[in-house]
Amino acid sequence: MSVKMKQVIENIKALSSDEKALIAHCLISSLESKQDDDVEDAWAALAESRFTELASGEVKGVSWESIKKHVKG
């Protein structure tokens, strides 16, 4: 273990729970893989397409209650 790592571990003991949680979040976030740049554009295009279908009356929206009933079976 490096000297820097040992220092970090020793210093963690002095942090509050909130500070530890923030550090944990930052560490976990740094491990996440990079998102494909085209994914956000694809979701935006799909959302726009679905909105256009709803606004034009081509498709009809479904209530949340109806969805819950269908999912519960």
N, C-alpha and C. Protein backbone atom coordinates (compact mmCIF):
# COMPACT_ATOMS: atom_id res chain seq x y z
N MET A 1 0.85 -1.17 0.00
CA MET A 1 0.00 0.00 0.00
C MET A 1 0.90 1.23 0.00
N SER A 2 0.54 2.19 -0.82
CA SER A 2 1.35 3.40 -0.93
C SER A 2 1.22 4.28 0.32
N VAL A 3 2.17 5.17 0.48
CA VAL A 3 2.15 6.11 1.61
C VAL A 3 0.92 7.00 1.52
N LYS A 4 0.58 7.45 0.31
CA LYS A 4 -0.60 8.31 0.13
C LYS A 4 -1.87 7.58 0.54
N MET A 5 -1.95 6.30 0.17
CA MET A 5 -3.13 5.52 0.52
C MET A 5 -3.25 5.37 2.03
N LYS A 6 -2.15 5.11 2.68
CA LYS A 6 -2.15 4.99 4.14
C LYS A 6 -2.59 6.29 4.80
N GLN A 7 -2.14 7.42 4.24
CA GLN A 7 -2.53 8.73 4.78
C GLN A 7 -4.03 8.96 4.60
N VAL A 8 -4.54 8.60 3.44
CA VAL A 8 -5.98 8.76 3.19
C VAL A 8 -6.79 7.95 4.18
N ILE A 9 -6.40 6.70 4.37
CA ILE A 9 -7.13 5.84 5.30
C ILE A 9 -7.07 6.39 6.71
N GLU A 10 -5.93 6.88 7.11
CA GLU A 10 -5.79 7.44 8.46
C GLU A 10 -6.64 8.70 8.61
N ASN A 11 -6.68 9.53 7.59
CA ASN A 11 -7.45 10.78 7.65
C ASN A 11 -8.95 10.55 7.60
N ILE A 12 -9.38 9.45 7.03
CA ILE A 12 -10.81 9.14 6.95
C ILE A 12 -11.42 9.05 8.34
N LYS A 13 -10.65 8.58 9.29
CA LYS A 13 -11.15 8.42 10.65
C LYS A 13 -11.65 9.73 11.25
N ALA A 14 -11.10 10.83 10.81
CA ALA A 14 -11.46 12.14 11.37
C ALA A 14 -12.67 12.77 10.68
N LEU A 15 -13.16 12.15 9.62
CA LEU A 15 -14.27 12.74 8.86
C LEU A 15 -15.63 12.40 9.46
N SER A 16 -16.59 13.26 9.20
CA SER A 16 -17.96 13.00 9.62
C SER A 16 -18.58 11.94 8.71
N SER A 17 -19.71 11.41 9.09
CA SER A 17 -20.40 10.42 8.27
C SER A 17 -20.77 11.00 6.91
N ASP A 18 -21.23 12.25 6.89
CA ASP A 18 -21.59 12.89 5.62
C ASP A 18 -20.38 13.03 4.71
N GLU A 19 -19.24 13.39 5.27
CA GLU A 19 -18.03 13.54 4.47
C GLU A 19 -17.57 12.18 3.93
N LYS A 20 -17.69 11.15 4.76
CA LYS A 20 -17.33 9.80 4.30
C LYS A 20 -18.25 9.36 3.17
N ALA A 21 -19.53 9.67 3.30
CA ALA A 21 -20.50 9.30 2.26
C ALA A 21 -20.18 10.01 0.95
N LEU A 22 -19.80 11.26 1.04
CA LEU A 22 -19.44 12.02 -0.17
C LEU A 22 -18.21 11.42 -0.83
N ILE A 23 -17.22 11.05 -0.03
CA ILE A 23 -16.02 10.44 -0.59
C ILE A 23 -16.37 9.10 -1.23
N ALA A 24 -17.20 8.31 -0.58
CA ALA A 24 -17.61 7.02 -1.14
C ALA A 24 -18.32 7.22 -2.48
N HIS A 25 -19.19 8.21 -2.54
CA HIS A 25 -19.90 8.51 -3.78
C HIS A 25 -18.92 8.89 -4.89
N CYS A 26 -17.98 9.74 -4.56
CA CYS A 26 -16.98 10.18 -5.55
C CYS A 26 -16.15 9.00 -6.05
N LEU A 27 -15.75 8.12 -5.15
CA LEU A 27 -14.96 6.96 -5.54
C LEU A 27 -15.76 6.03 -6.44
N ILE A 28 -16.99 5.75 -6.07
CA ILE A 28 -17.83 4.86 -6.87
C ILE A 28 -18.11 5.47 -8.23
N SER A 29 -18.38 6.76 -8.26
CA SER A 29 -18.64 7.44 -9.53
C SER A 29 -17.43 7.38 -10.46
N SER A 30 -16.25 7.43 -9.88
CA SER A 30 -15.04 7.40 -10.70
C SER A 30 -14.82 6.02 -11.32
N LEU A 31 -15.47 4.98 -10.79
CA LEU A 31 -15.33 3.63 -11.33
C LEU A 31 -16.29 3.35 -12.48
N GLU A 32 -17.36 4.13 -12.56
CA GLU A 32 -18.36 3.89 -13.59
C GLU A 32 -17.78 4.13 -14.97
N SER A 33 -18.19 3.28 -15.90
CA SER A 33 -17.68 3.41 -17.26
C SER A 33 -18.30 4.62 -17.95
N LYS A 34 -17.62 5.11 -18.95
CA LYS A 34 -18.07 6.28 -19.70
C LYS A 34 -19.31 5.92 -20.50
N GLN A 35 -20.29 6.80 -20.47
CA GLN A 35 -21.53 6.59 -21.22
C GLN A 35 -21.30 6.87 -22.69
N ASP A 36 -21.90 6.07 -23.53
CA ASP A 36 -21.82 6.27 -24.97
C ASP A 36 -22.43 7.62 -25.31
N ASP A 37 -21.70 8.45 -26.06
CA ASP A 37 -22.15 9.80 -26.38
C ASP A 37 -23.45 9.82 -27.18
N ASP A 38 -23.70 8.78 -27.95
CA ASP A 38 -24.89 8.75 -28.79
C ASP A 38 -26.16 8.36 -28.02
N VAL A 39 -26.01 7.82 -26.82
CA VAL A 39 -27.16 7.35 -26.06
C VAL A 39 -28.09 8.51 -25.70
N GLU A 40 -27.54 9.61 -25.23
CA GLU A 40 -28.37 10.75 -24.85
C GLU A 40 -29.13 11.30 -26.06
N ASP A 41 -28.47 11.38 -27.21
CA ASP A 41 -29.14 11.86 -28.43
C ASP A 41 -30.25 10.90 -28.85
N ALA A 42 -30.01 9.61 -28.72
CA ALA A 42 -31.02 8.62 -29.10
C ALA A 42 -32.24 8.72 -28.20
N TRP A 43 -32.02 8.88 -26.88
CA TRP A 43 -33.15 9.02 -25.95
C TRP A 43 -33.93 10.30 -26.25
N ALA A 44 -33.24 11.38 -26.56
CA ALA A 44 -33.91 12.65 -26.88
C ALA A 44 -34.76 12.50 -28.14
N ALA A 45 -34.23 11.82 -29.13
CA ALA A 45 -34.97 11.62 -30.38
C ALA A 45 -36.20 10.76 -30.14
N LEU A 46 -36.06 9.72 -29.32
CA LEU A 46 -37.20 8.86 -29.00
C LEU A 46 -38.27 9.63 -28.24
N ALA A 47 -37.85 10.43 -27.26
CA ALA A 47 -38.81 11.22 -26.48
C ALA A 47 -39.56 12.20 -27.38
N GLU A 48 -38.85 12.83 -28.29
CA GLU A 48 -39.48 13.78 -29.21
C GLU A 48 -40.48 13.06 -30.12
N SER A 49 -40.11 11.89 -30.60
CA SER A 49 -40.98 11.10 -31.47
C SER A 49 -42.25 10.69 -30.73
N ARG A 50 -42.08 10.22 -29.50
CA ARG A 50 -43.24 9.80 -28.70
C ARG A 50 -44.15 10.98 -28.40
N PHE A 51 -43.56 12.14 -28.09
CA PHE A 51 -44.35 13.33 -27.82
C PHE A 51 -45.16 13.71 -29.05
N THR A 52 -44.54 13.67 -30.20
CA THR A 52 -45.22 14.02 -31.46
C THR A 52 -46.39 13.08 -31.71
N GLU A 53 -46.19 11.77 -31.44
CA GLU A 53 -47.28 10.80 -31.61
C GLU A 53 -48.44 11.11 -30.68
N LEU A 54 -48.13 11.45 -29.43
CA LEU A 54 -49.19 11.79 -28.48
C LEU A 54 -49.90 13.08 -28.86
N ALA A 55 -49.13 14.10 -29.21
CA ALA A 55 -49.71 15.41 -29.53
C ALA A 55 -50.59 15.35 -30.77
N SER A 56 -50.23 14.50 -31.74
CA SER A 56 -51.01 14.40 -32.98
C SER A 56 -52.24 13.52 -32.83
N GLY A 57 -52.31 12.76 -31.73
CA GLY A 57 -53.43 11.84 -31.53
C GLY A 57 -53.20 10.49 -32.19
N GLU A 58 -52.03 10.30 -32.77
CA GLU A 58 -51.70 9.03 -33.42
C GLU A 58 -51.74 7.87 -32.41
N VAL A 59 -51.31 8.17 -31.19
CA VAL A 59 -51.40 7.18 -30.11
C VAL A 59 -52.09 7.83 -28.92
N LYS A 60 -52.66 7.00 -28.05
CA LYS A 60 -53.36 7.50 -26.89
C LYS A 60 -52.56 7.17 -25.64
N GLY A 61 -52.47 8.11 -24.72
CA GLY A 61 -51.75 7.89 -23.48
C GLY A 61 -52.51 6.93 -22.57
N VAL A 62 -51.79 6.34 -21.63
CA VAL A 62 -52.36 5.40 -20.68
C VAL A 62 -52.14 5.95 -19.28
N SER A 63 -53.15 5.85 -18.43
CA SER A 63 -53.04 6.38 -17.07
C SER A 63 -52.08 5.53 -16.23
N TRP A 64 -51.53 6.13 -15.21
CA TRP A 64 -50.64 5.42 -14.29
C TRP A 64 -51.41 4.30 -13.59
N GLU A 65 -52.65 4.55 -13.22
CA GLU A 65 -53.48 3.53 -12.57
C GLU A 65 -53.64 2.31 -13.48
N SER A 66 -53.85 2.53 -14.74
CA SER A 66 -54.01 1.44 -15.68
C SER A 66 -52.72 0.63 -15.81
N ILE A 67 -51.61 1.31 -15.83
CA ILE A 67 -50.31 0.63 -15.91
C ILE A 67 -50.09 -0.22 -14.67
N LYS A 68 -50.37 0.33 -13.49
CA LYS A 68 -50.18 -0.42 -12.25
C LYS A 68 -51.03 -1.67 -12.22
N LYS A 69 -52.28 -1.57 -12.66
CA LYS A 69 -53.17 -2.73 -12.70
C LYS A 69 -52.62 -3.80 -13.64
N HIS A 70 -52.12 -3.36 -14.78
CA HIS A 70 -51.59 -4.30 -15.78
C HIS A 70 -50.33 -5.00 -15.24
N VAL A 71 -49.49 -4.29 -14.56
CA VAL A 71 -48.24 -4.86 -14.04
C VAL A 71 -48.52 -5.84 -12.92
N LYS A 72 -49.46 -5.50 -12.04
CA LYS A 72 -49.80 -6.38 -10.91
C LYS A 72 -50.50 -7.64 -11.37
N GLY A 73 -51.10 -7.58 -12.54
CA GLY A 73 -51.77 -8.77 -13.08
C GLY A 73 -53.09 -8.93 -12.53
